[in-house]
Amino acid sequence: ACHNCQGEFDALEATWCSCLVTERTLVCPHCLQCFCKAPAAYKSRFWSSAPKGLWDRKFKEHNEDFHPPANPDPDVVSRPLVLVVDDERDIQRVATRVIQSLGYGLVLAHNGEEGLELARRYRPELVLTDALMPRMDGREMARRIKEGGAGAAGAPKVVVMTALYTNVKYRAEGFKVYKVDDYVAKPLTFEDLRAILQKYLG
């Protein structure tokens, strides 16, 4: 049964959600809600009783081939340009599909150091970055980007994706110290991403 509306549904026929998370979940056909944010105990019970056919779907979905597009030459990128900085392959996969389908240019980086270098090279209008990454975290990268003014019209807008979205102190520090423009909560949905793109790029 759905953790949200308690409605019964056939998980073998349900669709995967569009959340930008490592392990996507199914969408209830009654309330149209996924269970990415459901309690861990619910997820554990759900998968412990899931039939083999559903596990097969899960493995197929998780192992779906994704080949990140090669970053284009800076002189021929489409604009407005979005730089996505995240070390999770699933985030890259979904962000790529959403951003390109909405007609924006896209450049991908896998950590903060690479993101900083690409921001200086490509001068994007928007940077969408994970908070926690190896080598340099998203907020420190944001601070350095802002200091360098790496953008088509000065420094780009920087939006940080984080599970600490509700932590008031964390957000306030990001705005004041690291010059972050906005935060968006993880798990990130298609609607969340589209809203951020439209807010800053139109």
N, C-alpha and C. Protein backbone atom coordinates (compact mmCIF):
# COMPACT_ATOMS: atom_id res chain seq x y z
N ALA A 1 0.83 -1.20 0.00
CA ALA A 1 0.00 0.00 0.00
C ALA A 1 0.87 1.25 0.00
N CYS A 2 0.36 2.30 -0.59
CA CYS A 2 1.08 3.58 -0.64
C CYS A 2 1.25 4.14 0.77
N HIS A 3 2.44 4.64 1.08
CA HIS A 3 2.69 5.19 2.42
C HIS A 3 1.95 6.51 2.62
N ASN A 4 1.57 7.17 1.51
CA ASN A 4 0.95 8.48 1.60
C ASN A 4 -0.58 8.41 1.70
N CYS A 5 -1.22 7.69 0.74
CA CYS A 5 -2.69 7.63 0.71
C CYS A 5 -3.25 6.28 1.16
N GLN A 6 -2.34 5.33 1.40
CA GLN A 6 -2.72 3.97 1.83
C GLN A 6 -3.44 3.17 0.75
N GLY A 7 -3.48 3.70 -0.47
CA GLY A 7 -4.13 2.98 -1.56
C GLY A 7 -3.30 1.80 -2.05
N GLU A 8 -3.97 0.74 -2.43
CA GLU A 8 -3.30 -0.44 -2.97
C GLU A 8 -3.02 -0.23 -4.46
N PHE A 9 -1.83 -0.65 -4.92
CA PHE A 9 -1.53 -0.53 -6.35
C PHE A 9 -0.57 -1.64 -6.77
N ASP A 10 -0.55 -1.91 -8.06
CA ASP A 10 0.32 -2.95 -8.61
C ASP A 10 1.69 -2.34 -8.90
N ALA A 11 2.65 -2.65 -8.06
CA ALA A 11 3.99 -2.07 -8.20
C ALA A 11 4.66 -2.47 -9.51
N LEU A 12 4.28 -3.63 -10.05
CA LEU A 12 4.88 -4.07 -11.31
C LEU A 12 4.46 -3.18 -12.48
N GLU A 13 3.32 -2.50 -12.33
CA GLU A 13 2.82 -1.64 -13.40
C GLU A 13 3.09 -0.16 -13.14
N ALA A 14 3.53 0.18 -11.94
CA ALA A 14 3.75 1.58 -11.57
C ALA A 14 4.98 2.14 -12.28
N THR A 15 5.00 3.44 -12.46
CA THR A 15 6.13 4.10 -13.12
C THR A 15 7.13 4.59 -12.08
N TRP A 16 8.38 4.75 -12.53
CA TRP A 16 9.41 5.30 -11.65
C TRP A 16 9.21 6.80 -11.53
N CYS A 17 9.60 7.35 -10.38
CA CYS A 17 9.49 8.79 -10.19
C CYS A 17 10.60 9.51 -10.95
N SER A 18 10.52 10.84 -10.98
CA SER A 18 11.52 11.63 -11.69
C SER A 18 12.46 12.34 -10.72
N CYS A 19 12.48 11.90 -9.46
CA CYS A 19 13.37 12.52 -8.48
C CYS A 19 14.83 12.31 -8.87
N LEU A 20 15.66 13.30 -8.59
CA LEU A 20 17.08 13.20 -8.89
C LEU A 20 17.79 12.60 -7.70
N VAL A 21 17.67 11.30 -7.56
CA VAL A 21 18.27 10.57 -6.44
C VAL A 21 18.95 9.32 -6.98
N THR A 22 19.84 8.76 -6.16
CA THR A 22 20.55 7.56 -6.59
C THR A 22 19.62 6.38 -6.76
N GLU A 23 18.64 6.25 -5.85
CA GLU A 23 17.68 5.14 -5.91
C GLU A 23 16.28 5.71 -6.08
N ARG A 24 15.79 5.80 -7.31
CA ARG A 24 14.44 6.31 -7.54
C ARG A 24 13.40 5.30 -7.05
N THR A 25 12.20 5.78 -6.76
CA THR A 25 11.14 4.92 -6.27
C THR A 25 9.93 4.99 -7.19
N LEU A 26 8.90 4.22 -6.86
CA LEU A 26 7.71 4.14 -7.70
C LEU A 26 6.68 5.21 -7.35
N VAL A 27 5.83 5.52 -8.32
CA VAL A 27 4.78 6.52 -8.14
C VAL A 27 3.45 5.82 -7.93
N CYS A 28 2.74 6.21 -6.86
CA CYS A 28 1.41 5.66 -6.60
C CYS A 28 0.44 6.20 -7.64
N PRO A 29 -0.32 5.35 -8.33
CA PRO A 29 -1.25 5.83 -9.36
C PRO A 29 -2.47 6.55 -8.79
N HIS A 30 -2.68 6.46 -7.48
CA HIS A 30 -3.84 7.10 -6.85
C HIS A 30 -3.54 8.55 -6.45
N CYS A 31 -2.48 8.75 -5.67
CA CYS A 31 -2.16 10.11 -5.20
C CYS A 31 -1.03 10.74 -6.00
N LEU A 32 -0.42 9.95 -6.91
CA LEU A 32 0.67 10.43 -7.79
C LEU A 32 1.89 10.89 -7.01
N GLN A 33 2.10 10.29 -5.83
CA GLN A 33 3.27 10.61 -5.02
C GLN A 33 4.22 9.41 -5.01
N CYS A 34 5.53 9.70 -5.05
CA CYS A 34 6.51 8.62 -4.93
C CYS A 34 6.80 8.41 -3.45
N PHE A 35 7.68 7.46 -3.14
CA PHE A 35 8.01 7.28 -1.73
C PHE A 35 9.50 7.49 -1.47
N CYS A 36 10.12 8.43 -2.21
CA CYS A 36 11.52 8.79 -1.95
C CYS A 36 11.68 9.35 -0.53
N LYS A 37 10.66 10.09 -0.08
CA LYS A 37 10.74 10.71 1.24
C LYS A 37 10.00 9.90 2.31
N ALA A 38 9.61 8.69 1.98
CA ALA A 38 8.94 7.83 2.95
C ALA A 38 9.93 7.38 4.02
N PRO A 39 9.44 7.02 5.20
CA PRO A 39 10.33 6.52 6.26
C PRO A 39 11.13 5.31 5.79
N ALA A 40 12.34 5.19 6.31
CA ALA A 40 13.21 4.08 5.92
C ALA A 40 12.56 2.73 6.22
N ALA A 41 11.80 2.67 7.31
CA ALA A 41 11.15 1.40 7.68
C ALA A 41 10.14 0.97 6.62
N TYR A 42 9.43 1.95 6.03
CA TYR A 42 8.46 1.63 4.97
C TYR A 42 9.18 1.08 3.75
N LYS A 43 10.27 1.75 3.36
CA LYS A 43 11.02 1.30 2.18
C LYS A 43 11.55 -0.12 2.40
N SER A 44 12.05 -0.36 3.61
CA SER A 44 12.59 -1.68 3.92
C SER A 44 11.51 -2.75 3.81
N ARG A 45 10.33 -2.48 4.37
CA ARG A 45 9.22 -3.44 4.30
C ARG A 45 8.78 -3.65 2.86
N PHE A 46 8.73 -2.56 2.10
CA PHE A 46 8.27 -2.64 0.71
C PHE A 46 9.18 -3.57 -0.10
N TRP A 47 10.49 -3.33 -0.03
CA TRP A 47 11.40 -4.11 -0.86
C TRP A 47 11.60 -5.52 -0.34
N SER A 48 11.44 -5.71 0.97
CA SER A 48 11.61 -7.07 1.52
C SER A 48 10.49 -8.00 1.06
N SER A 49 9.34 -7.42 0.70
CA SER A 49 8.21 -8.24 0.24
C SER A 49 7.97 -8.11 -1.27
N ALA A 50 8.85 -7.40 -1.96
CA ALA A 50 8.67 -7.18 -3.40
C ALA A 50 8.91 -8.47 -4.18
N PRO A 51 8.10 -8.74 -5.21
CA PRO A 51 8.28 -9.94 -6.04
C PRO A 51 9.53 -9.82 -6.92
N LYS A 52 9.98 -10.96 -7.42
CA LYS A 52 11.19 -10.99 -8.25
C LYS A 52 11.07 -10.06 -9.45
N GLY A 53 9.88 -10.00 -10.06
CA GLY A 53 9.71 -9.16 -11.24
C GLY A 53 9.99 -7.69 -10.95
N LEU A 54 9.65 -7.25 -9.74
CA LEU A 54 9.89 -5.86 -9.38
C LEU A 54 11.38 -5.62 -9.13
N TRP A 55 12.03 -6.60 -8.51
CA TRP A 55 13.48 -6.48 -8.32
C TRP A 55 14.19 -6.43 -9.68
N ASP A 56 13.71 -7.22 -10.63
CA ASP A 56 14.30 -7.18 -11.97
C ASP A 56 14.16 -5.79 -12.59
N ARG A 57 12.97 -5.18 -12.41
CA ARG A 57 12.76 -3.81 -12.91
C ARG A 57 13.71 -2.84 -12.24
N LYS A 58 13.88 -3.01 -10.93
CA LYS A 58 14.75 -2.11 -10.16
C LYS A 58 16.19 -2.18 -10.66
N PHE A 59 16.69 -3.41 -10.83
CA PHE A 59 18.07 -3.57 -11.28
C PHE A 59 18.25 -3.03 -12.70
N LYS A 60 17.26 -3.27 -13.56
CA LYS A 60 17.34 -2.77 -14.93
C LYS A 60 17.36 -1.25 -14.95
N GLU A 61 16.49 -0.63 -14.13
CA GLU A 61 16.41 0.82 -14.08
C GLU A 61 17.71 1.40 -13.53
N HIS A 62 18.25 0.78 -12.48
CA HIS A 62 19.45 1.30 -11.84
C HIS A 62 20.67 1.15 -12.74
N ASN A 63 20.70 0.08 -13.53
CA ASN A 63 21.86 -0.19 -14.37
C ASN A 63 21.72 0.36 -15.78
N GLU A 64 20.66 1.14 -16.00
CA GLU A 64 20.44 1.72 -17.32
C GLU A 64 21.67 2.51 -17.77
N ASP A 65 22.11 2.23 -18.97
CA ASP A 65 23.31 2.90 -19.47
C ASP A 65 23.07 4.40 -19.61
N PHE A 66 24.04 5.16 -19.15
CA PHE A 66 24.00 6.61 -19.34
C PHE A 66 25.41 7.06 -19.67
N HIS A 67 25.54 7.69 -20.80
CA HIS A 67 26.83 8.21 -21.21
C HIS A 67 26.74 9.73 -21.22
N PRO A 68 27.36 10.38 -20.23
CA PRO A 68 27.28 11.85 -20.16
C PRO A 68 27.73 12.47 -21.47
N PRO A 69 26.99 13.47 -21.96
CA PRO A 69 27.40 14.12 -23.20
C PRO A 69 28.72 14.85 -23.03
N ALA A 70 29.53 14.83 -24.07
CA ALA A 70 30.79 15.56 -24.01
C ALA A 70 30.51 17.06 -23.95
N ASN A 71 31.26 17.75 -23.11
CA ASN A 71 31.08 19.20 -23.02
C ASN A 71 31.48 19.85 -24.34
N PRO A 72 30.63 20.72 -24.88
CA PRO A 72 30.91 21.34 -26.18
C PRO A 72 31.99 22.41 -26.10
N ASP A 73 32.43 22.87 -27.24
CA ASP A 73 33.38 23.98 -27.28
C ASP A 73 32.71 25.22 -26.70
N PRO A 74 33.40 25.99 -25.86
CA PRO A 74 32.80 27.19 -25.26
C PRO A 74 32.23 28.18 -26.27
N ASP A 75 32.78 28.19 -27.48
CA ASP A 75 32.32 29.16 -28.48
C ASP A 75 31.00 28.77 -29.13
N VAL A 76 30.56 27.53 -28.96
CA VAL A 76 29.35 27.09 -29.65
C VAL A 76 28.27 26.57 -28.70
N VAL A 77 28.40 26.83 -27.40
CA VAL A 77 27.39 26.35 -26.46
C VAL A 77 26.08 27.10 -26.64
N SER A 78 24.99 26.40 -26.35
CA SER A 78 23.67 27.05 -26.36
C SER A 78 23.50 27.85 -25.07
N ARG A 79 22.80 28.94 -25.18
CA ARG A 79 22.52 29.77 -24.00
C ARG A 79 21.04 30.05 -23.92
N PRO A 80 20.54 30.21 -22.67
CA PRO A 80 21.26 30.24 -21.40
C PRO A 80 21.94 28.90 -21.11
N LEU A 81 23.10 28.97 -20.44
CA LEU A 81 23.91 27.79 -20.18
C LEU A 81 23.85 27.42 -18.71
N VAL A 82 23.64 26.13 -18.45
CA VAL A 82 23.59 25.61 -17.09
C VAL A 82 24.79 24.70 -16.85
N LEU A 83 25.54 24.96 -15.79
CA LEU A 83 26.62 24.08 -15.36
C LEU A 83 26.11 23.23 -14.21
N VAL A 84 26.07 21.92 -14.39
CA VAL A 84 25.64 20.99 -13.35
C VAL A 84 26.88 20.34 -12.75
N VAL A 85 27.03 20.46 -11.43
CA VAL A 85 28.20 19.91 -10.74
C VAL A 85 27.72 18.89 -9.72
N ASP A 86 27.97 17.62 -9.99
CA ASP A 86 27.52 16.56 -9.08
C ASP A 86 28.30 15.29 -9.38
N ASP A 87 28.66 14.55 -8.34
CA ASP A 87 29.43 13.32 -8.54
C ASP A 87 28.54 12.09 -8.66
N GLU A 88 27.22 12.27 -8.55
CA GLU A 88 26.30 11.13 -8.68
C GLU A 88 25.82 11.00 -10.12
N ARG A 89 26.02 9.81 -10.68
CA ARG A 89 25.68 9.56 -12.08
C ARG A 89 24.18 9.74 -12.34
N ASP A 90 23.34 9.33 -11.38
CA ASP A 90 21.90 9.45 -11.58
C ASP A 90 21.45 10.91 -11.64
N ILE A 91 22.08 11.76 -10.84
CA ILE A 91 21.76 13.18 -10.89
C ILE A 91 22.13 13.73 -12.26
N GLN A 92 23.30 13.37 -12.74
CA GLN A 92 23.75 13.82 -14.06
C GLN A 92 22.78 13.35 -15.14
N ARG A 93 22.34 12.10 -15.02
CA ARG A 93 21.46 11.52 -16.05
C ARG A 93 20.13 12.28 -16.13
N VAL A 94 19.48 12.46 -14.99
CA VAL A 94 18.17 13.12 -15.01
C VAL A 94 18.31 14.60 -15.32
N ALA A 95 19.32 15.26 -14.75
CA ALA A 95 19.52 16.69 -15.02
C ALA A 95 19.78 16.92 -16.50
N THR A 96 20.55 16.04 -17.11
CA THR A 96 20.83 16.16 -18.54
C THR A 96 19.55 16.10 -19.36
N ARG A 97 18.70 15.12 -19.05
CA ARG A 97 17.46 14.96 -19.81
C ARG A 97 16.53 16.15 -19.63
N VAL A 98 16.40 16.63 -18.39
CA VAL A 98 15.49 17.74 -18.13
C VAL A 98 15.99 19.03 -18.76
N ILE A 99 17.25 19.36 -18.53
CA ILE A 99 17.80 20.63 -19.02
C ILE A 99 17.80 20.68 -20.54
N GLN A 100 18.22 19.60 -21.16
CA GLN A 100 18.25 19.60 -22.63
C GLN A 100 16.85 19.60 -23.22
N SER A 101 15.90 18.92 -22.57
CA SER A 101 14.54 18.89 -23.10
C SER A 101 13.87 20.26 -23.00
N LEU A 102 14.32 21.09 -22.07
CA LEU A 102 13.76 22.43 -21.92
C LEU A 102 14.50 23.46 -22.78
N GLY A 103 15.50 23.01 -23.52
CA GLY A 103 16.16 23.88 -24.49
C GLY A 103 17.33 24.69 -23.98
N TYR A 104 17.83 24.37 -22.78
CA TYR A 104 18.98 25.11 -22.24
C TYR A 104 20.28 24.40 -22.62
N GLY A 105 21.36 25.16 -22.66
CA GLY A 105 22.66 24.57 -22.86
C GLY A 105 23.12 23.88 -21.58
N LEU A 106 24.02 22.90 -21.71
CA LEU A 106 24.43 22.10 -20.56
C LEU A 106 25.92 21.81 -20.60
N VAL A 107 26.55 21.94 -19.42
CA VAL A 107 27.93 21.52 -19.22
C VAL A 107 27.95 20.74 -17.90
N LEU A 108 28.69 19.63 -17.87
CA LEU A 108 28.73 18.77 -16.68
C LEU A 108 30.11 18.76 -16.04
N ALA A 109 30.13 18.79 -14.70
CA ALA A 109 31.36 18.63 -13.93
C ALA A 109 31.10 17.60 -12.83
N HIS A 110 32.16 16.94 -12.36
CA HIS A 110 32.00 15.85 -11.41
C HIS A 110 32.43 16.19 -9.99
N ASN A 111 33.05 17.34 -9.78
CA ASN A 111 33.44 17.76 -8.44
C ASN A 111 33.63 19.28 -8.44
N GLY A 112 33.84 19.84 -7.26
CA GLY A 112 33.94 21.29 -7.14
C GLY A 112 35.11 21.90 -7.89
N GLU A 113 36.24 21.24 -7.87
CA GLU A 113 37.41 21.78 -8.57
C GLU A 113 37.16 21.86 -10.07
N GLU A 114 36.60 20.79 -10.63
CA GLU A 114 36.28 20.79 -12.06
C GLU A 114 35.19 21.81 -12.35
N GLY A 115 34.21 21.93 -11.45
CA GLY A 115 33.15 22.90 -11.63
C GLY A 115 33.67 24.32 -11.68
N LEU A 116 34.61 24.65 -10.79
CA LEU A 116 35.20 25.99 -10.77
C LEU A 116 35.94 26.28 -12.07
N GLU A 117 36.68 25.29 -12.53
CA GLU A 117 37.43 25.48 -13.78
C GLU A 117 36.50 25.66 -14.98
N LEU A 118 35.41 24.88 -15.03
CA LEU A 118 34.47 25.00 -16.14
C LEU A 118 33.66 26.29 -16.05
N ALA A 119 33.37 26.76 -14.84
CA ALA A 119 32.66 28.03 -14.69
C ALA A 119 33.50 29.17 -15.26
N ARG A 120 34.79 29.13 -15.03
CA ARG A 120 35.68 30.17 -15.56
C ARG A 120 35.82 30.05 -17.08
N ARG A 121 35.79 28.82 -17.57
CA ARG A 121 35.98 28.61 -19.00
C ARG A 121 34.71 28.89 -19.81
N TYR A 122 33.55 28.45 -19.29
CA TYR A 122 32.30 28.54 -20.06
C TYR A 122 31.43 29.74 -19.71
N ARG A 123 31.62 30.32 -18.51
CA ARG A 123 30.86 31.47 -18.07
C ARG A 123 29.35 31.23 -18.18
N PRO A 124 28.84 30.24 -17.43
CA PRO A 124 27.41 29.91 -17.49
C PRO A 124 26.55 30.97 -16.82
N GLU A 125 25.27 30.94 -17.14
CA GLU A 125 24.33 31.84 -16.47
C GLU A 125 23.84 31.26 -15.14
N LEU A 126 23.86 29.92 -15.01
CA LEU A 126 23.38 29.27 -13.80
C LEU A 126 24.26 28.07 -13.47
N VAL A 127 24.59 27.93 -12.20
CA VAL A 127 25.34 26.76 -11.71
C VAL A 127 24.44 26.02 -10.73
N LEU A 128 24.21 24.74 -11.01
CA LEU A 128 23.42 23.88 -10.13
C LEU A 128 24.38 22.85 -9.55
N THR A 129 24.63 22.90 -8.25
CA THR A 129 25.67 22.06 -7.67
C THR A 129 25.21 21.28 -6.45
N ASP A 130 25.77 20.10 -6.30
CA ASP A 130 25.57 19.33 -5.08
C ASP A 130 26.32 20.03 -3.95
N ALA A 131 25.88 19.81 -2.72
CA ALA A 131 26.55 20.43 -1.58
C ALA A 131 27.82 19.68 -1.21
N LEU A 132 27.72 18.35 -1.11
CA LEU A 132 28.84 17.54 -0.63
C LEU A 132 29.46 16.75 -1.77
N MET A 133 30.73 17.06 -2.05
CA MET A 133 31.46 16.38 -3.13
C MET A 133 32.92 16.25 -2.73
N PRO A 134 33.64 15.31 -3.33
CA PRO A 134 35.08 15.20 -3.06
C PRO A 134 35.84 16.39 -3.65
N ARG A 135 37.00 16.66 -3.06
CA ARG A 135 37.97 17.65 -3.55
C ARG A 135 37.56 19.09 -3.24
N MET A 136 36.31 19.47 -3.47
CA MET A 136 35.83 20.80 -3.10
C MET A 136 34.31 20.75 -3.03
N ASP A 137 33.73 21.20 -1.91
CA ASP A 137 32.27 21.12 -1.82
C ASP A 137 31.60 22.25 -2.59
N GLY A 138 30.28 22.11 -2.75
CA GLY A 138 29.54 23.04 -3.60
C GLY A 138 29.55 24.47 -3.11
N ARG A 139 29.50 24.66 -1.79
CA ARG A 139 29.45 26.03 -1.27
C ARG A 139 30.78 26.75 -1.42
N GLU A 140 31.87 26.04 -1.19
CA GLU A 140 33.19 26.66 -1.39
C GLU A 140 33.40 27.00 -2.86
N MET A 141 32.95 26.12 -3.74
CA MET A 141 33.02 26.41 -5.17
C MET A 141 32.21 27.66 -5.49
N ALA A 142 31.02 27.78 -4.90
CA ALA A 142 30.17 28.96 -5.13
C ALA A 142 30.89 30.23 -4.71
N ARG A 143 31.54 30.20 -3.55
CA ARG A 143 32.25 31.38 -3.06
C ARG A 143 33.35 31.81 -4.03
N ARG A 144 34.10 30.84 -4.53
CA ARG A 144 35.20 31.16 -5.45
C ARG A 144 34.67 31.65 -6.80
N ILE A 145 33.56 31.07 -7.26
CA ILE A 145 32.96 31.53 -8.51
C ILE A 145 32.51 32.98 -8.37
N LYS A 146 31.86 33.29 -7.25
CA LYS A 146 31.37 34.64 -7.03
C LYS A 146 32.51 35.64 -6.94
N GLU A 147 33.59 35.25 -6.29
CA GLU A 147 34.74 36.14 -6.17
C GLU A 147 35.38 36.41 -7.52
N GLY A 148 35.34 35.40 -8.40
CA GLY A 148 35.96 35.56 -9.71
C GLY A 148 35.07 36.19 -10.74
N GLY A 149 33.77 36.34 -10.43
CA GLY A 149 32.85 36.93 -11.40
C GLY A 149 32.72 36.13 -12.67
N ALA A 150 32.79 34.80 -12.54
CA ALA A 150 32.78 33.94 -13.73
C ALA A 150 31.37 33.75 -14.27
N GLY A 151 30.93 34.63 -15.12
CA GLY A 151 29.60 34.50 -15.71
C GLY A 151 29.45 35.39 -16.92
N ALA A 152 28.42 35.15 -17.72
CA ALA A 152 28.23 35.92 -18.94
C ALA A 152 28.03 37.39 -18.65
N ALA A 153 27.42 37.70 -17.51
CA ALA A 153 27.21 39.10 -17.13
C ALA A 153 27.64 39.24 -15.67
N GLY A 154 28.91 38.90 -15.40
CA GLY A 154 29.36 38.86 -14.03
C GLY A 154 29.22 37.45 -13.49
N ALA A 155 29.11 37.33 -12.18
CA ALA A 155 29.00 36.01 -11.56
C ALA A 155 27.65 35.37 -11.86
N PRO A 156 27.63 34.06 -12.13
CA PRO A 156 26.36 33.38 -12.39
C PRO A 156 25.59 33.16 -11.09
N LYS A 157 24.32 32.83 -11.21
CA LYS A 157 23.55 32.42 -10.06
C LYS A 157 23.99 31.00 -9.69
N VAL A 158 24.10 30.74 -8.38
CA VAL A 158 24.52 29.42 -7.91
C VAL A 158 23.45 28.85 -6.99
N VAL A 159 22.93 27.69 -7.35
CA VAL A 159 21.90 27.01 -6.57
C VAL A 159 22.49 25.70 -6.05
N VAL A 160 22.39 25.49 -4.74
CA VAL A 160 22.97 24.31 -4.11
C VAL A 160 21.87 23.29 -3.79
N MET A 161 22.09 22.04 -4.21
CA MET A 161 21.18 20.94 -3.90
C MET A 161 21.67 20.26 -2.63
N THR A 162 20.80 20.15 -1.63
CA THR A 162 21.23 19.57 -0.36
C THR A 162 20.09 18.96 0.42
N ALA A 163 20.41 17.92 1.18
CA ALA A 163 19.43 17.33 2.09
C ALA A 163 19.32 18.15 3.37
N LEU A 164 20.22 19.13 3.55
CA LEU A 164 20.20 20.01 4.73
C LEU A 164 19.39 21.27 4.48
N TYR A 165 18.50 21.21 3.50
CA TYR A 165 17.70 22.37 3.08
C TYR A 165 16.95 23.00 4.25
N THR A 166 16.46 22.21 5.18
CA THR A 166 15.65 22.75 6.27
C THR A 166 16.49 23.27 7.44
N ASN A 167 17.81 23.10 7.38
CA ASN A 167 18.68 23.59 8.44
C ASN A 167 18.90 25.09 8.26
N VAL A 168 18.24 25.89 9.10
CA VAL A 168 18.26 27.35 8.94
C VAL A 168 19.68 27.90 9.04
N LYS A 169 20.46 27.42 10.00
CA LYS A 169 21.83 27.90 10.17
C LYS A 169 22.68 27.60 8.94
N TYR A 170 22.53 26.41 8.40
CA TYR A 170 23.29 26.00 7.21
C TYR A 170 22.96 26.91 6.03
N ARG A 171 21.69 27.19 5.84
CA ARG A 171 21.26 28.04 4.72
C ARG A 171 21.73 29.48 4.91
N ALA A 172 21.59 30.00 6.13
CA ALA A 172 22.00 31.38 6.40
C ALA A 172 23.49 31.55 6.17
N GLU A 173 24.28 30.58 6.61
CA GLU A 173 25.72 30.62 6.40
C GLU A 173 26.05 30.61 4.91
N GLY A 174 25.31 29.81 4.17
CA GLY A 174 25.55 29.74 2.73
C GLY A 174 25.29 31.06 2.04
N PHE A 175 24.21 31.74 2.41
CA PHE A 175 23.88 33.03 1.81
C PHE A 175 24.93 34.08 2.16
N LYS A 176 25.32 34.14 3.43
CA LYS A 176 26.19 35.21 3.92
C LYS A 176 27.66 34.98 3.61
N VAL A 177 28.14 33.77 3.90
CA VAL A 177 29.57 33.49 3.78
C VAL A 177 29.95 33.03 2.38
N TYR A 178 29.13 32.16 1.79
CA TYR A 178 29.50 31.55 0.52
C TYR A 178 28.81 32.17 -0.70
N LYS A 179 27.95 33.15 -0.46
CA LYS A 179 27.29 33.90 -1.55
C LYS A 179 26.40 33.01 -2.43
N VAL A 180 25.87 31.95 -1.84
CA VAL A 180 24.93 31.08 -2.55
C VAL A 180 23.65 31.86 -2.83
N ASP A 181 23.09 31.72 -4.02
CA ASP A 181 21.87 32.44 -4.38
C ASP A 181 20.60 31.73 -3.92
N ASP A 182 20.65 30.40 -3.90
CA ASP A 182 19.43 29.67 -3.56
C ASP A 182 19.80 28.25 -3.18
N TYR A 183 18.86 27.60 -2.49
CA TYR A 183 18.99 26.19 -2.16
C TYR A 183 17.77 25.45 -2.68
N VAL A 184 17.95 24.18 -2.98
CA VAL A 184 16.81 23.33 -3.34
C VAL A 184 17.02 22.00 -2.63
N ALA A 185 15.93 21.47 -2.11
CA ALA A 185 16.02 20.26 -1.28
C ALA A 185 16.21 19.01 -2.12
N LYS A 186 17.03 18.10 -1.61
CA LYS A 186 17.12 16.75 -2.15
C LYS A 186 16.19 15.85 -1.36
N PRO A 187 15.53 14.86 -1.97
CA PRO A 187 15.61 14.51 -3.40
C PRO A 187 14.93 15.54 -4.28
N LEU A 188 15.58 15.85 -5.38
CA LEU A 188 15.12 16.88 -6.31
C LEU A 188 14.22 16.26 -7.36
N THR A 189 13.04 16.82 -7.54
CA THR A 189 12.10 16.32 -8.54
C THR A 189 12.22 17.09 -9.85
N PHE A 190 11.60 16.55 -10.89
CA PHE A 190 11.56 17.24 -12.17
C PHE A 190 10.95 18.62 -12.00
N GLU A 191 9.86 18.70 -11.21
CA GLU A 191 9.18 19.98 -11.01
C GLU A 191 10.08 20.98 -10.29
N ASP A 192 10.85 20.50 -9.30
CA ASP A 192 11.79 21.37 -8.59
C ASP A 192 12.82 21.95 -9.55
N LEU A 193 13.38 21.07 -10.37
CA LEU A 193 14.42 21.50 -11.30
C LEU A 193 13.87 22.47 -12.33
N ARG A 194 12.71 22.17 -12.87
CA ARG A 194 12.10 23.06 -13.86
C ARG A 194 11.82 24.43 -13.24
N ALA A 195 11.34 24.46 -12.00
CA ALA A 195 11.04 25.73 -11.33
C ALA A 195 12.30 26.56 -11.14
N ILE A 196 13.40 25.92 -10.77
CA ILE A 196 14.67 26.64 -10.59
C ILE A 196 15.16 27.21 -11.91
N LEU A 197 15.08 26.42 -12.97
CA LEU A 197 15.53 26.88 -14.28
C LEU A 197 14.70 28.08 -14.75
N GLN A 198 13.40 27.99 -14.58
CA GLN A 198 12.53 29.08 -15.03
C GLN A 198 12.69 30.32 -14.16
N LYS A 199 12.97 30.13 -12.87
CA LYS A 199 13.15 31.26 -11.96
C LYS A 199 14.36 32.09 -12.34
N TYR A 200 15.46 31.43 -12.69
CA TYR A 200 16.70 32.15 -12.94
C TYR A 200 17.02 32.37 -14.42
N LEU A 201 16.42 31.59 -15.29
CA LEU A 201 16.74 31.72 -16.71
C LEU A 201 15.56 32.14 -17.56
N GLY A 202 14.35 32.01 -17.03
CA GLY A 202 13.16 32.40 -17.77
C GLY A 202 12.69 31.35 -18.76
